[in-house]
Every structure is written in structure tokens, then in C-alpha cells.
């Protein structure tokens, strides 16, 4: 089975490791901003329900992930409707939105990793989540990111490991 990987392992200018994904959606930037900031939209594709106080220093409340305890994070930066970043369990998640021709939006998700060995694990997880976001953007109904035992997470993880992304971190719900 061939697995197409859309994430890239990068080292940021400050030396921190990250995985990065980019998509183009046939929606204006304001609609894609809803996908990444509205709790009801997020819960359809993001690993947890996230309720975000959209201001620097604001609280982010994460809940509903069957593999992790509920937790809180902090908004690091917000520039509606172009950028949102927050901390989450030691990692940072950055959403960058760029308008293309007034009708489409380039969406970039960067997961800045607290530990390099989480790259393959997180890359596989984001692949599943972004597949759900892609479907949502097309107007399709989905089961959400926690699609049960048939979700192809293990295949994606193996493909990221084979592609050379650092691995070895514990996997919530698996280890």
C-alpha cells in the first residue's frame, strides 16, 4: 500500500523541530478562519474540542480527545483572520492563512515540537486530522478525527518513520 504523506519535517530558524502541512481550500480566508477558531468546527477535525479566547495570553481549553486528559493552553499570537498560534502540551500549533485571488485560501499548519522524537507520531496524527478538514471544506460529513480502529494511523506512522522523521515517542492510546 502506498501512503501519500503531505507533512514535512523542518527545523525552524531558531533550531526547534516542527512538522508542517499546507493545503489550498476553495473558500475565502474568513471561512477557513472559522474552521480553525470556532469550537464546533474544530471538533469536526482537530484532535480535541478547542475553545479559544482569541487574544494573546487567552486560554485554550482542550477536551474530548479519547486518548488524552482535558487540558488548557495559552494563545501565543492572534492576527485575525491570518494567524493563530497557541501552546498545547508543550508543543506549539500555528495556523497561517493566506488569501489567494479573493476566493481561495492557503492554509498552513505548523506543529512546533517540544521533542524531536514526536515528529512521526504527530505527523501521522495531523494527516488524519487534515483529511477530516479537507472533507469538511468540501462539505462532506465525517466521523471526526477519532474514526476508531479502522483509521489508517498506523500505516501513516510507519510511512513517516520510513520517510526518516524522528520517532520513538509514546503514542497516547497505543502505548
N, C-alpha and C. Protein backbone atom coordinates (compact mmCIF):
# COMPACT_ATOMS: atom_id res chain seq x y z
N UNK A 1 0.84 -1.19 0.00
CA UNK A 1 0.00 0.00 0.00
C UNK A 1 0.88 1.25 0.00
N UNK A 2 0.61 2.16 -0.90
CA UNK A 2 1.34 3.42 -0.96
C UNK A 2 0.60 4.45 -0.13
N UNK A 3 1.32 5.15 0.72
CA UNK A 3 0.72 6.18 1.55
C UNK A 3 1.30 7.52 1.14
N UNK A 4 0.45 8.43 0.70
CA UNK A 4 0.90 9.76 0.34
C UNK A 4 0.99 10.61 1.61
N UNK A 5 2.18 11.13 1.85
CA UNK A 5 2.40 11.96 3.02
C UNK A 5 2.42 13.42 2.60
N UNK A 6 1.75 14.26 3.35
CA UNK A 6 1.70 15.68 3.00
C UNK A 6 2.48 16.55 3.97
N UNK A 7 2.95 15.97 5.06
CA UNK A 7 3.70 16.73 6.04
C UNK A 7 5.18 16.76 5.72
N UNK A 8 5.83 17.80 6.19
CA UNK A 8 7.26 17.98 6.01
C UNK A 8 7.91 18.21 7.37
N UNK A 9 9.01 17.54 7.61
CA UNK A 9 9.78 17.78 8.84
C UNK A 9 10.71 18.95 8.56
N UNK A 10 10.69 19.95 9.42
CA UNK A 10 11.52 21.14 9.23
C UNK A 10 12.22 21.50 10.53
N UNK A 11 13.31 22.20 10.39
CA UNK A 11 13.97 22.82 11.53
C UNK A 11 13.78 24.32 11.37
N UNK A 12 13.14 24.94 12.35
CA UNK A 12 12.86 26.37 12.28
C UNK A 12 14.15 27.18 12.44
N UNK A 13 14.08 28.44 12.10
CA UNK A 13 15.26 29.32 12.19
C UNK A 13 15.87 29.34 13.59
N UNK A 14 15.03 29.14 14.62
CA UNK A 14 15.54 29.14 16.00
C UNK A 14 16.03 27.75 16.44
N UNK A 15 16.05 26.78 15.51
CA UNK A 15 16.58 25.46 15.80
C UNK A 15 15.57 24.44 16.28
N UNK A 16 14.32 24.87 16.51
CA UNK A 16 13.31 23.93 17.00
C UNK A 16 12.78 23.06 15.86
N UNK A 17 12.49 21.78 16.17
CA UNK A 17 11.92 20.88 15.15
C UNK A 17 10.43 21.13 15.00
N UNK A 18 9.92 20.86 13.80
CA UNK A 18 8.49 21.04 13.55
C UNK A 18 8.06 20.14 12.40
N UNK A 19 6.77 19.89 12.33
CA UNK A 19 6.16 19.27 11.15
C UNK A 19 5.21 20.32 10.58
N UNK A 20 5.18 20.39 9.25
CA UNK A 20 4.41 21.45 8.58
C UNK A 20 3.56 20.83 7.47
N UNK A 21 2.35 21.34 7.35
CA UNK A 21 1.39 20.90 6.34
C UNK A 21 0.81 22.12 5.65
N UNK A 22 0.52 22.01 4.38
CA UNK A 22 -0.08 23.12 3.65
C UNK A 22 -1.19 22.59 2.75
N UNK A 23 -2.27 23.33 2.68
CA UNK A 23 -3.41 23.00 1.84
C UNK A 23 -3.90 24.28 1.19
N UNK A 24 -4.62 24.14 0.07
CA UNK A 24 -5.36 25.25 -0.52
C UNK A 24 -6.82 24.86 -0.52
N UNK A 25 -7.64 25.74 0.07
CA UNK A 25 -9.07 25.49 0.14
C UNK A 25 -9.82 26.48 -0.73
N UNK A 26 -10.89 25.99 -1.35
CA UNK A 26 -11.73 26.81 -2.21
C UNK A 26 -12.76 27.57 -1.38
N UNK A 27 -12.25 28.29 -0.40
CA UNK A 27 -13.07 29.12 0.48
C UNK A 27 -12.31 30.41 0.75
N UNK A 28 -13.03 31.51 0.96
CA UNK A 28 -12.34 32.75 1.36
C UNK A 28 -11.71 32.59 2.74
N UNK A 29 -10.77 33.45 3.02
CA UNK A 29 -10.00 33.35 4.25
C UNK A 29 -10.89 33.40 5.50
N UNK A 30 -11.97 34.18 5.46
CA UNK A 30 -12.85 34.26 6.63
C UNK A 30 -13.50 32.92 6.95
N UNK A 31 -13.83 32.14 5.92
CA UNK A 31 -14.43 30.82 6.16
C UNK A 31 -13.40 29.86 6.75
N UNK A 32 -12.18 29.87 6.21
CA UNK A 32 -11.14 28.99 6.74
C UNK A 32 -10.79 29.41 8.17
N UNK A 33 -10.84 30.70 8.46
CA UNK A 33 -10.62 31.18 9.83
C UNK A 33 -11.64 30.54 10.78
N UNK A 34 -12.89 30.38 10.34
CA UNK A 34 -13.89 29.69 11.15
C UNK A 34 -13.49 28.25 11.41
N UNK A 35 -12.95 27.57 10.38
CA UNK A 35 -12.52 26.19 10.57
C UNK A 35 -11.51 26.06 11.70
N UNK A 36 -10.67 27.09 11.90
CA UNK A 36 -9.58 26.97 12.88
C UNK A 36 -9.84 27.70 14.20
N UNK A 37 -10.98 28.38 14.31
CA UNK A 37 -11.24 29.11 15.56
C UNK A 37 -12.57 28.79 16.20
N UNK A 38 -13.55 28.31 15.46
CA UNK A 38 -14.87 28.01 16.00
C UNK A 38 -14.83 26.63 16.66
N UNK A 39 -15.18 26.52 17.95
CA UNK A 39 -15.11 25.23 18.64
C UNK A 39 -15.91 24.12 17.96
N UNK A 40 -17.08 24.47 17.41
CA UNK A 40 -17.90 23.46 16.75
C UNK A 40 -17.27 22.98 15.44
N UNK A 41 -16.57 23.87 14.75
CA UNK A 41 -15.84 23.47 13.53
C UNK A 41 -14.60 22.66 13.90
N UNK A 42 -13.86 23.12 14.89
CA UNK A 42 -12.64 22.43 15.30
C UNK A 42 -12.91 20.99 15.72
N UNK A 43 -14.00 20.78 16.42
CA UNK A 43 -14.28 19.45 16.94
C UNK A 43 -14.54 18.45 15.81
N UNK A 44 -14.79 18.93 14.61
CA UNK A 44 -15.02 18.04 13.47
C UNK A 44 -13.73 17.55 12.83
N UNK A 45 -12.59 18.20 13.15
CA UNK A 45 -11.34 17.78 12.51
C UNK A 45 -10.13 17.82 13.44
N UNK A 46 -10.10 18.68 14.42
CA UNK A 46 -8.96 18.85 15.31
C UNK A 46 -8.95 17.70 16.33
N UNK A 47 -7.80 17.31 16.88
CA UNK A 47 -7.76 16.18 17.81
C UNK A 47 -8.63 16.34 19.05
N UNK A 48 -8.86 17.56 19.49
CA UNK A 48 -9.67 17.85 20.66
C UNK A 48 -10.64 18.97 20.32
N UNK A 49 -11.71 19.03 21.09
CA UNK A 49 -12.52 20.25 21.01
C UNK A 49 -11.64 21.35 21.62
N UNK A 50 -11.57 22.48 20.99
CA UNK A 50 -10.75 23.58 21.49
C UNK A 50 -11.60 24.84 21.56
N UNK A 51 -11.72 25.36 22.76
CA UNK A 51 -12.43 26.62 22.98
C UNK A 51 -11.37 27.66 23.25
N UNK A 52 -11.28 28.65 22.35
CA UNK A 52 -10.15 29.57 22.31
C UNK A 52 -10.59 30.99 22.63
N UNK A 53 -9.95 31.60 23.62
CA UNK A 53 -10.11 33.03 23.87
C UNK A 53 -9.17 33.73 22.88
N UNK A 54 -9.71 34.33 21.85
CA UNK A 54 -8.91 34.87 20.74
C UNK A 54 -8.26 36.20 21.10
N UNK A 55 -7.27 36.11 21.97
CA UNK A 55 -6.44 37.26 22.34
C UNK A 55 -5.10 36.72 22.84
N UNK A 56 -4.01 37.44 22.63
CA UNK A 56 -2.72 36.97 23.15
C UNK A 56 -2.83 36.74 24.66
N UNK A 57 -2.37 35.58 25.10
CA UNK A 57 -2.46 35.21 26.51
C UNK A 57 -3.77 34.55 26.87
N UNK A 58 -4.72 34.51 25.93
CA UNK A 58 -6.02 33.89 26.19
C UNK A 58 -5.89 32.40 26.44
N UNK A 59 -6.87 31.86 27.11
CA UNK A 59 -6.88 30.44 27.44
C UNK A 59 -7.45 29.63 26.29
N UNK A 60 -6.87 28.45 26.06
CA UNK A 60 -7.41 27.47 25.13
C UNK A 60 -7.76 26.25 25.98
N UNK A 61 -9.03 25.84 25.92
CA UNK A 61 -9.48 24.66 26.67
C UNK A 61 -9.66 23.50 25.70
N UNK A 62 -8.90 22.44 25.94
CA UNK A 62 -8.93 21.25 25.10
C UNK A 62 -9.72 20.16 25.82
N UNK A 63 -10.67 19.54 25.12
CA UNK A 63 -11.47 18.48 25.73
C UNK A 63 -11.94 17.51 24.64
N UNK A 64 -12.35 16.34 25.08
CA UNK A 64 -12.99 15.40 24.18
C UNK A 64 -12.10 14.45 23.42
N UNK A 65 -10.78 14.53 23.59
CA UNK A 65 -9.89 13.57 22.94
C UNK A 65 -9.90 12.30 23.78
N UNK A 66 -10.32 11.17 23.20
CA UNK A 66 -10.40 9.95 24.00
C UNK A 66 -9.05 9.40 24.44
N UNK A 67 -7.96 9.94 23.91
CA UNK A 67 -6.63 9.44 24.25
C UNK A 67 -5.84 10.37 25.18
N UNK A 68 -6.44 11.50 25.53
CA UNK A 68 -5.71 12.46 26.36
C UNK A 68 -6.65 13.09 27.39
N UNK A 69 -6.09 13.48 28.50
CA UNK A 69 -6.85 14.20 29.52
C UNK A 69 -7.20 15.59 29.00
N UNK A 70 -8.31 16.15 29.48
CA UNK A 70 -8.63 17.54 29.17
C UNK A 70 -7.49 18.41 29.70
N UNK A 71 -7.22 19.51 29.01
CA UNK A 71 -6.11 20.36 29.40
C UNK A 71 -6.36 21.79 28.94
N UNK A 72 -5.44 22.66 29.28
CA UNK A 72 -5.52 24.04 28.82
C UNK A 72 -4.20 24.43 28.19
N UNK A 73 -4.28 25.42 27.33
CA UNK A 73 -3.10 26.01 26.71
C UNK A 73 -3.27 27.52 26.72
N UNK A 74 -2.36 28.18 26.03
CA UNK A 74 -2.37 29.64 26.02
C UNK A 74 -2.17 30.13 24.60
N UNK A 75 -2.95 31.14 24.21
CA UNK A 75 -2.79 31.76 22.90
C UNK A 75 -1.47 32.54 22.91
N UNK A 76 -0.62 32.23 21.94
CA UNK A 76 0.67 32.92 21.82
C UNK A 76 0.56 34.16 20.96
N UNK A 77 -0.20 34.05 19.87
CA UNK A 77 -0.37 35.19 18.97
C UNK A 77 -1.66 34.99 18.19
N UNK A 78 -2.31 36.11 17.87
CA UNK A 78 -3.51 36.06 17.05
C UNK A 78 -3.56 37.32 16.19
N UNK A 79 -3.83 37.13 14.91
CA UNK A 79 -3.97 38.22 13.96
C UNK A 79 -5.10 37.83 13.00
N UNK A 80 -6.38 38.02 13.44
CA UNK A 80 -7.50 37.57 12.63
C UNK A 80 -7.52 38.27 11.26
N UNK A 81 -7.87 37.60 10.22
CA UNK A 81 -8.05 36.17 10.05
C UNK A 81 -6.83 35.51 9.41
N UNK A 82 -5.65 35.90 9.82
CA UNK A 82 -4.43 35.43 9.15
C UNK A 82 -3.58 34.46 9.97
N UNK A 83 -3.55 34.64 11.28
CA UNK A 83 -2.63 33.83 12.09
C UNK A 83 -3.21 33.57 13.47
N UNK A 84 -3.00 32.33 13.92
CA UNK A 84 -3.30 31.94 15.29
C UNK A 84 -2.25 30.95 15.72
N UNK A 85 -1.68 31.16 16.89
CA UNK A 85 -0.77 30.16 17.46
C UNK A 85 -1.05 30.03 18.95
N UNK A 86 -0.87 28.80 19.42
CA UNK A 86 -1.10 28.53 20.84
C UNK A 86 -0.20 27.38 21.29
N UNK A 87 0.00 27.31 22.61
CA UNK A 87 0.75 26.16 23.13
C UNK A 87 -0.24 25.08 23.51
N UNK A 88 0.24 23.84 23.38
CA UNK A 88 -0.61 22.69 23.64
C UNK A 88 0.27 21.55 24.11
N UNK A 89 0.25 21.28 25.40
CA UNK A 89 1.01 20.16 25.95
C UNK A 89 2.51 20.25 25.70
N UNK A 90 3.06 21.43 25.69
CA UNK A 90 4.49 21.62 25.44
C UNK A 90 4.83 21.92 23.99
N UNK A 91 3.95 21.57 23.07
CA UNK A 91 4.12 21.90 21.65
C UNK A 91 3.49 23.26 21.38
N UNK A 92 3.75 23.78 20.19
CA UNK A 92 3.04 24.94 19.69
C UNK A 92 2.34 24.53 18.40
N UNK A 93 1.15 25.07 18.20
CA UNK A 93 0.42 24.87 16.95
C UNK A 93 0.20 26.24 16.34
N UNK A 94 0.60 26.37 15.07
CA UNK A 94 0.46 27.63 14.34
C UNK A 94 -0.44 27.39 13.13
N UNK A 95 -1.43 28.25 12.95
CA UNK A 95 -2.27 28.25 11.76
C UNK A 95 -1.98 29.56 11.02
N UNK A 96 -1.58 29.46 9.77
CA UNK A 96 -1.36 30.64 8.94
C UNK A 96 -2.27 30.54 7.72
N UNK A 97 -3.00 31.61 7.45
CA UNK A 97 -3.94 31.65 6.34
C UNK A 97 -3.53 32.78 5.40
N UNK A 98 -3.49 32.46 4.12
CA UNK A 98 -3.11 33.44 3.11
C UNK A 98 -4.17 33.45 2.02
N UNK A 99 -4.74 34.61 1.78
CA UNK A 99 -5.76 34.75 0.76
C UNK A 99 -5.14 34.59 -0.63
N UNK A 100 -5.83 33.84 -1.48
CA UNK A 100 -5.40 33.66 -2.86
C UNK A 100 -6.57 34.11 -3.73
N UNK A 101 -6.39 35.09 -4.53
CA UNK A 101 -7.35 35.61 -5.51
C UNK A 101 -8.74 35.91 -4.95
N UNK A 102 -8.84 36.18 -3.66
CA UNK A 102 -10.10 36.56 -3.04
C UNK A 102 -11.10 35.45 -2.83
N UNK A 103 -10.84 34.27 -3.38
CA UNK A 103 -11.80 33.18 -3.28
C UNK A 103 -11.23 31.94 -2.61
N UNK A 104 -9.93 31.82 -2.62
CA UNK A 104 -9.29 30.62 -2.07
C UNK A 104 -8.33 31.04 -0.96
N UNK A 105 -7.94 30.04 -0.15
CA UNK A 105 -7.05 30.31 0.97
C UNK A 105 -5.99 29.22 1.06
N UNK A 106 -4.74 29.65 1.20
CA UNK A 106 -3.65 28.73 1.51
C UNK A 106 -3.61 28.63 3.03
N UNK A 107 -3.75 27.41 3.53
CA UNK A 107 -3.76 27.11 4.96
C UNK A 107 -2.47 26.36 5.28
N UNK A 108 -1.72 26.85 6.25
CA UNK A 108 -0.51 26.17 6.68
C UNK A 108 -0.60 25.91 8.18
N UNK A 109 -0.41 24.65 8.54
CA UNK A 109 -0.36 24.24 9.93
C UNK A 109 1.08 23.87 10.24
N UNK A 110 1.64 24.49 11.26
CA UNK A 110 2.98 24.14 11.72
C UNK A 110 2.87 23.69 13.18
N UNK A 111 3.32 22.48 13.44
CA UNK A 111 3.35 21.95 14.80
C UNK A 111 4.81 22.00 15.25
N UNK A 112 5.12 22.97 16.11
CA UNK A 112 6.46 23.10 16.67
C UNK A 112 6.55 22.09 17.81
N UNK A 113 7.51 21.21 17.72
CA UNK A 113 7.59 20.05 18.60
C UNK A 113 8.44 20.33 19.84
N UNK A 114 7.93 19.92 21.00
CA UNK A 114 8.71 20.03 22.22
C UNK A 114 9.83 19.00 22.23
N UNK A 115 9.61 17.87 21.56
CA UNK A 115 10.61 16.80 21.49
C UNK A 115 10.68 16.29 20.04
N UNK A 116 11.88 16.19 19.53
CA UNK A 116 12.09 15.78 18.15
C UNK A 116 11.48 14.41 17.85
N UNK A 117 11.53 13.48 18.81
CA UNK A 117 11.06 12.11 18.55
C UNK A 117 9.54 11.99 18.41
N UNK A 118 8.82 13.11 18.50
CA UNK A 118 7.38 13.09 18.29
C UNK A 118 7.00 13.40 16.84
N UNK A 119 7.97 13.65 15.97
CA UNK A 119 7.69 14.10 14.60
C UNK A 119 6.85 13.09 13.82
N UNK A 120 7.24 11.82 13.78
CA UNK A 120 6.49 10.82 13.02
C UNK A 120 5.10 10.61 13.62
N UNK A 121 5.02 10.54 14.94
CA UNK A 121 3.73 10.35 15.62
C UNK A 121 2.78 11.50 15.31
N UNK A 122 3.26 12.73 15.50
CA UNK A 122 2.40 13.89 15.28
C UNK A 122 2.08 14.06 13.80
N UNK A 123 3.06 13.77 12.94
CA UNK A 123 2.80 13.86 11.50
C UNK A 123 1.65 12.95 11.09
N UNK A 124 1.65 11.73 11.58
CA UNK A 124 0.57 10.78 11.26
C UNK A 124 -0.76 11.27 11.81
N UNK A 125 -0.74 11.79 13.01
CA UNK A 125 -1.97 12.31 13.60
C UNK A 125 -2.54 13.48 12.82
N UNK A 126 -1.67 14.41 12.43
CA UNK A 126 -2.14 15.56 11.66
C UNK A 126 -2.65 15.13 10.28
N UNK A 127 -2.04 14.11 9.69
CA UNK A 127 -2.56 13.60 8.41
C UNK A 127 -4.02 13.21 8.54
N UNK A 128 -4.35 12.46 9.59
CA UNK A 128 -5.73 12.05 9.81
C UNK A 128 -6.64 13.26 10.03
N UNK A 129 -6.18 14.17 10.88
CA UNK A 129 -7.00 15.35 11.18
C UNK A 129 -7.22 16.20 9.94
N UNK A 130 -6.18 16.41 9.17
CA UNK A 130 -6.32 17.26 7.98
C UNK A 130 -7.13 16.58 6.89
N UNK A 131 -7.15 15.27 6.87
CA UNK A 131 -8.05 14.56 5.95
C UNK A 131 -9.49 14.89 6.31
N UNK A 132 -9.78 14.99 7.61
CA UNK A 132 -11.12 15.37 8.06
C UNK A 132 -11.42 16.83 7.70
N UNK A 133 -10.43 17.72 7.86
CA UNK A 133 -10.62 19.12 7.49
C UNK A 133 -10.83 19.24 5.98
N UNK A 134 -10.06 18.51 5.20
CA UNK A 134 -10.23 18.53 3.74
C UNK A 134 -11.67 18.15 3.38
N UNK A 135 -12.18 17.09 4.00
CA UNK A 135 -13.54 16.63 3.73
C UNK A 135 -14.56 17.70 4.17
N UNK A 136 -14.33 18.28 5.33
CA UNK A 136 -15.22 19.33 5.84
C UNK A 136 -15.25 20.51 4.88
N UNK A 137 -14.09 20.89 4.36
CA UNK A 137 -14.01 22.01 3.43
C UNK A 137 -14.76 21.71 2.12
N UNK A 138 -14.86 20.44 1.78
CA UNK A 138 -15.63 20.04 0.59
C UNK A 138 -17.12 19.88 0.89
N UNK A 139 -17.50 20.08 2.16
CA UNK A 139 -18.90 19.98 2.54
C UNK A 139 -19.35 18.57 2.88
N UNK A 140 -18.40 17.66 3.06
CA UNK A 140 -18.74 16.27 3.38
C UNK A 140 -18.91 16.08 4.88
N UNK A 141 -19.73 15.14 5.26
CA UNK A 141 -19.87 14.75 6.67
C UNK A 141 -18.77 13.73 6.97
N UNK A 142 -18.19 13.83 8.16
CA UNK A 142 -17.14 12.90 8.54
C UNK A 142 -17.39 12.40 9.95
N UNK A 143 -16.68 11.34 10.30
CA UNK A 143 -16.78 10.79 11.64
C UNK A 143 -15.89 11.54 12.63
N UNK A 144 -15.13 12.51 12.15
CA UNK A 144 -14.22 13.24 13.02
C UNK A 144 -12.86 12.56 13.07
N UNK A 145 -11.90 13.16 13.76
CA UNK A 145 -10.54 12.65 13.73
C UNK A 145 -10.34 11.33 14.46
N UNK A 146 -11.28 10.96 15.32
CA UNK A 146 -11.15 9.72 16.08
C UNK A 146 -12.09 8.69 15.47
N UNK A 147 -11.73 8.23 14.28
CA UNK A 147 -12.62 7.38 13.47
C UNK A 147 -12.59 5.92 13.89
N UNK A 148 -11.97 5.62 14.99
CA UNK A 148 -11.98 4.25 15.50
C UNK A 148 -10.82 3.41 14.99
N UNK A 149 -10.90 2.10 15.22
CA UNK A 149 -9.77 1.22 14.92
C UNK A 149 -9.44 1.08 13.44
N UNK A 150 -10.36 1.48 12.56
CA UNK A 150 -10.09 1.38 11.13
C UNK A 150 -9.32 2.57 10.57
N UNK A 151 -9.13 3.62 11.38
CA UNK A 151 -8.38 4.78 10.92
C UNK A 151 -6.96 4.33 10.55
N UNK A 152 -6.42 4.85 9.47
CA UNK A 152 -5.12 4.37 8.97
C UNK A 152 -3.91 4.96 9.70
N UNK A 153 -4.05 5.29 10.98
CA UNK A 153 -2.97 5.95 11.70
C UNK A 153 -1.67 5.13 11.67
N UNK A 154 -1.75 3.84 11.93
CA UNK A 154 -0.54 3.02 12.00
C UNK A 154 0.20 3.00 10.66
N UNK A 155 -0.54 2.94 9.56
CA UNK A 155 0.10 2.98 8.23
C UNK A 155 0.79 4.32 8.00
N UNK A 156 0.11 5.39 8.40
CA UNK A 156 0.70 6.72 8.25
C UNK A 156 1.95 6.86 9.12
N UNK A 157 1.87 6.38 10.34
CA UNK A 157 3.02 6.44 11.24
C UNK A 157 4.20 5.67 10.64
N UNK A 158 3.95 4.45 10.15
CA UNK A 158 5.02 3.65 9.54
C UNK A 158 5.61 4.36 8.33
N UNK A 159 4.77 5.02 7.56
CA UNK A 159 5.26 5.74 6.38
C UNK A 159 6.13 6.93 6.79
N UNK A 160 5.74 7.64 7.84
CA UNK A 160 6.58 8.75 8.31
C UNK A 160 7.91 8.25 8.87
N UNK A 161 7.88 7.14 9.59
CA UNK A 161 9.13 6.56 10.09
C UNK A 161 10.02 6.16 8.91
N UNK A 162 9.42 5.50 7.91
CA UNK A 162 10.18 5.08 6.72
C UNK A 162 10.73 6.28 5.96
N UNK A 163 10.02 7.41 6.03
CA UNK A 163 10.48 8.63 5.36
C UNK A 163 11.61 9.32 6.13
N UNK A 164 11.93 8.80 7.32
CA UNK A 164 13.05 9.34 8.08
C UNK A 164 12.71 10.35 9.14
N UNK A 165 11.43 10.57 9.44
CA UNK A 165 11.10 11.50 10.50
C UNK A 165 11.46 10.88 11.85
N UNK A 166 11.97 11.70 12.75
CA UNK A 166 12.30 11.18 14.08
C UNK A 166 11.08 10.54 14.74
N UNK A 167 11.31 9.44 15.44
CA UNK A 167 10.21 8.69 16.03
C UNK A 167 10.65 8.12 17.37
N UNK A 168 9.74 7.41 18.01
CA UNK A 168 10.06 6.74 19.26
C UNK A 168 9.29 7.25 20.46
N UNK A 169 8.59 8.36 20.32
CA UNK A 169 7.80 8.90 21.45
C UNK A 169 6.62 8.00 21.74
N UNK A 170 6.17 7.94 23.00
CA UNK A 170 4.97 7.18 23.33
C UNK A 170 3.77 7.68 22.52
N UNK A 171 2.86 6.77 22.25
CA UNK A 171 1.66 7.10 21.49
C UNK A 171 0.44 7.00 22.40
N UNK A 172 -0.22 8.12 22.72
CA UNK A 172 -1.39 8.05 23.58
C UNK A 172 -2.44 7.11 22.99
N UNK A 173 -2.99 6.26 23.83
CA UNK A 173 -3.99 5.31 23.40
C UNK A 173 -3.42 4.06 22.76
N UNK A 174 -2.09 4.02 22.52
CA UNK A 174 -1.45 2.87 21.90
C UNK A 174 -0.43 2.23 22.83
N UNK A 175 0.27 3.06 23.61
CA UNK A 175 1.33 2.57 24.50
C UNK A 175 0.82 2.39 25.92
